């Protein structure tokens, strides 16, 4: 299982547009992807309600996990989204 840590840079955190972009990108991959606050329980990264339910705010770190072919590439893309202001 591949993993990335990223610090959320968007002023609104991982909510609204950043969350939608994050989820839409995750949905493009056929593999299982989870996201969690650092030290928290992981949720399905392909579910907008689950991602927004994490209540990730600007400056908080998230952990993204993916398992399967193409995991490294999708994790890189999701980390870039999370770290984009």
C-alpha atoms as a PDB file:
ATOM      1  CA  UNK A   1       0.000   0.000   0.000  1.00  0.00           C
ATOM      2  CA  UNK A   2       1.337   3.386  -1.018  1.00  0.00           C
ATOM      3  CA  UNK A   3       0.948   6.448   1.171  1.00  0.00           C
ATOM      4  CA  UNK A   4       1.360  10.225   0.945  1.00  0.00           C
ATOM      5  CA  UNK A   5       1.163  12.909   3.585  1.00  0.00           C
ATOM      6  CA  UNK A   6       0.111  16.390   2.535  1.00  0.00           C
ATOM      7  CA  UNK A   7      -0.595  19.666   4.302  1.00  0.00           C
ATOM      8  CA  UNK A   8      -3.842  21.244   3.124  1.00  0.00           C
ATOM      9  CA  UNK A   9      -3.109  24.723   1.796  1.00  0.00           C
ATOM     10  CA  UNK A  10      -6.512  25.987   0.612  1.00  0.00           C
ATOM     11  CA  UNK A  11      -7.955  28.752   2.767  1.00  0.00           C
ATOM     12  CA  UNK A  12     -11.247  26.823   3.058  1.00  0.00           C
ATOM     13  CA  UNK A  13      -9.438  23.572   3.889  1.00  0.00           C
ATOM     14  CA  UNK A  14     -10.589  20.395   2.170  1.00  0.00           C
ATOM     15  CA  UNK A  15     -14.128  21.726   1.648  1.00  0.00           C
ATOM     16  CA  UNK A  16     -16.223  22.974  -1.258  1.00  0.00           C
ATOM     17  CA  UNK A  17     -14.237  23.257  -4.484  1.00  0.00           C
ATOM     18  CA  UNK A  18     -10.960  21.706  -3.216  1.00  0.00           C
ATOM     19  CA  UNK A  19     -12.902  18.704  -1.859  1.00  0.00           C
ATOM     20  CA  UNK A  20     -14.814  18.304  -5.133  1.00  0.00           C
ATOM     21  CA  UNK A  21     -11.606  18.420  -7.168  1.00  0.00           C
ATOM     22  CA  UNK A  22      -9.951  15.943  -4.786  1.00  0.00           C
ATOM     23  CA  UNK A  23     -12.873  13.484  -4.996  1.00  0.00           C
ATOM     24  CA  UNK A  24     -13.268  13.798  -8.777  1.00  0.00           C
ATOM     25  CA  UNK A  25      -9.584  13.018  -9.224  1.00  0.00           C
ATOM     26  CA  UNK A  26      -9.809  10.015  -6.883  1.00  0.00           C
ATOM     27  CA  UNK A  27     -12.858   8.732  -8.782  1.00  0.00           C
ATOM     28  CA  UNK A  28     -10.827   8.565 -12.008  1.00  0.00           C
ATOM     29  CA  UNK A  29      -8.782   5.708 -10.571  1.00  0.00           C
ATOM     30  CA  UNK A  30     -10.194   2.166 -10.293  1.00  0.00           C
ATOM     31  CA  UNK A  31      -8.193   1.415  -7.128  1.00  0.00           C
ATOM     32  CA  UNK A  32      -9.211   1.858  -3.488  1.00  0.00           C
ATOM     33  CA  UNK A  33      -8.144   5.206  -2.034  1.00  0.00           C
ATOM     34  CA  UNK A  34      -8.606   6.462   1.518  1.00  0.00           C
ATOM     35  CA  UNK A  35      -7.876   9.779   3.208  1.00  0.00           C
ATOM     36  CA  UNK A  36      -7.639  10.681   6.883  1.00  0.00           C
ATOM     37  CA  UNK A  37      -6.531  13.469   9.152  1.00  0.00           C
ATOM     38  CA  UNK A  38      -3.148  12.655  10.620  1.00  0.00           C
ATOM     39  CA  UNK A  39      -3.863  10.129  13.382  1.00  0.00           C
ATOM     40  CA  UNK A  40      -7.546   9.819  12.440  1.00  0.00           C
ATOM     41  CA  UNK A  41      -9.706   7.134  10.902  1.00  0.00           C
ATOM     42  CA  UNK A  42      -9.535   6.802   7.095  1.00  0.00           C
ATOM     43  CA  UNK A  43     -12.559   7.405   4.871  1.00  0.00           C
ATOM     44  CA  UNK A  44     -13.285   6.674   1.215  1.00  0.00           C
ATOM     45  CA  UNK A  45     -11.549   9.374  -0.855  1.00  0.00           C
ATOM     46  CA  UNK A  46     -14.122   8.895  -3.626  1.00  0.00           C
ATOM     47  CA  UNK A  47     -17.029  10.054  -1.429  1.00  0.00           C
ATOM     48  CA  UNK A  48     -17.599  13.819  -1.232  1.00  0.00           C
ATOM     49  CA  UNK A  49     -19.638  13.464   1.969  1.00  0.00           C
ATOM     50  CA  UNK A  50     -16.920  11.399   3.641  1.00  0.00           C
ATOM     51  CA  UNK A  51     -14.137  13.772   2.616  1.00  0.00           C
ATOM     52  CA  UNK A  52     -16.035  16.874   3.726  1.00  0.00           C
ATOM     53  CA  UNK A  53     -17.011  15.079   6.945  1.00  0.00           C
ATOM     54  CA  UNK A  54     -13.339  14.938   7.921  1.00  0.00           C
ATOM     55  CA  UNK A  55     -13.495  18.714   8.499  1.00  0.00           C
ATOM     56  CA  UNK A  56      -9.923  19.230   7.336  1.00  0.00           C
ATOM     57  CA  UNK A  57      -8.846  22.852   7.745  1.00  0.00           C
ATOM     58  CA  UNK A  58      -6.051  24.901   6.253  1.00  0.00           C
ATOM     59  CA  UNK A  59      -2.670  23.843   7.640  1.00  0.00           C
ATOM     60  CA  UNK A  60      -3.787  20.390   8.782  1.00  0.00           C
ATOM     61  CA  UNK A  61      -2.007  17.287   7.537  1.00  0.00           C
ATOM     62  CA  UNK A  62      -3.821  14.476   5.769  1.00  0.00           C
ATOM     63  CA  UNK A  63      -2.690  10.940   4.990  1.00  0.00           C
ATOM     64  CA  UNK A  64      -3.751   9.471   1.639  1.00  0.00           C
ATOM     65  CA  UNK A  65      -3.470   5.721   1.000  1.00  0.00           C
ATOM     66  CA  UNK A  66      -3.955   3.779  -2.215  1.00  0.00           C
ATOM     67  CA  UNK A  67      -3.500   0.132  -3.047  1.00  0.00           C
ATOM     68  CA  UNK A  68      -3.119  -1.162  -6.587  1.00  0.00           C
ATOM     69  CA  UNK A  69      -1.668  -0.438  -9.984  1.00  0.00           C
ATOM     70  CA  UNK A  70      -1.150   3.293 -10.503  1.00  0.00           C
ATOM     71  CA  UNK A  71      -1.214   4.074  -6.779  1.00  0.00           C
ATOM     72  CA  UNK A  72       1.900   6.254  -6.854  1.00  0.00           C
ATOM     73  CA  UNK A  73       0.568   8.413  -9.693  1.00  0.00           C
ATOM     74  CA  UNK A  74      -2.868   8.998  -8.166  1.00  0.00           C
ATOM     75  CA  UNK A  75      -1.342   9.756  -4.774  1.00  0.00           C
ATOM     76  CA  UNK A  76       0.956  12.335  -6.368  1.00  0.00           C
ATOM     77  CA  UNK A  77      -2.022  13.994  -8.079  1.00  0.00           C
ATOM     78  CA  UNK A  78      -4.115  14.060  -4.892  1.00  0.00           C
ATOM     79  CA  UNK A  79      -1.236  15.461  -2.830  1.00  0.00           C
ATOM     80  CA  UNK A  80      -0.809  18.295  -5.333  1.00  0.00           C
ATOM     81  CA  UNK A  81      -4.520  19.137  -5.045  1.00  0.00           C
ATOM     82  CA  UNK A  82      -4.344  19.159  -1.242  1.00  0.00           C
ATOM     83  CA  UNK A  83      -1.237  21.349  -1.228  1.00  0.00           C
ATOM     84  CA  UNK A  84      -2.562  23.900  -3.731  1.00  0.00           C
ATOM     85  CA  UNK A  85      -3.719  27.161  -2.112  1.00  0.00           C
END
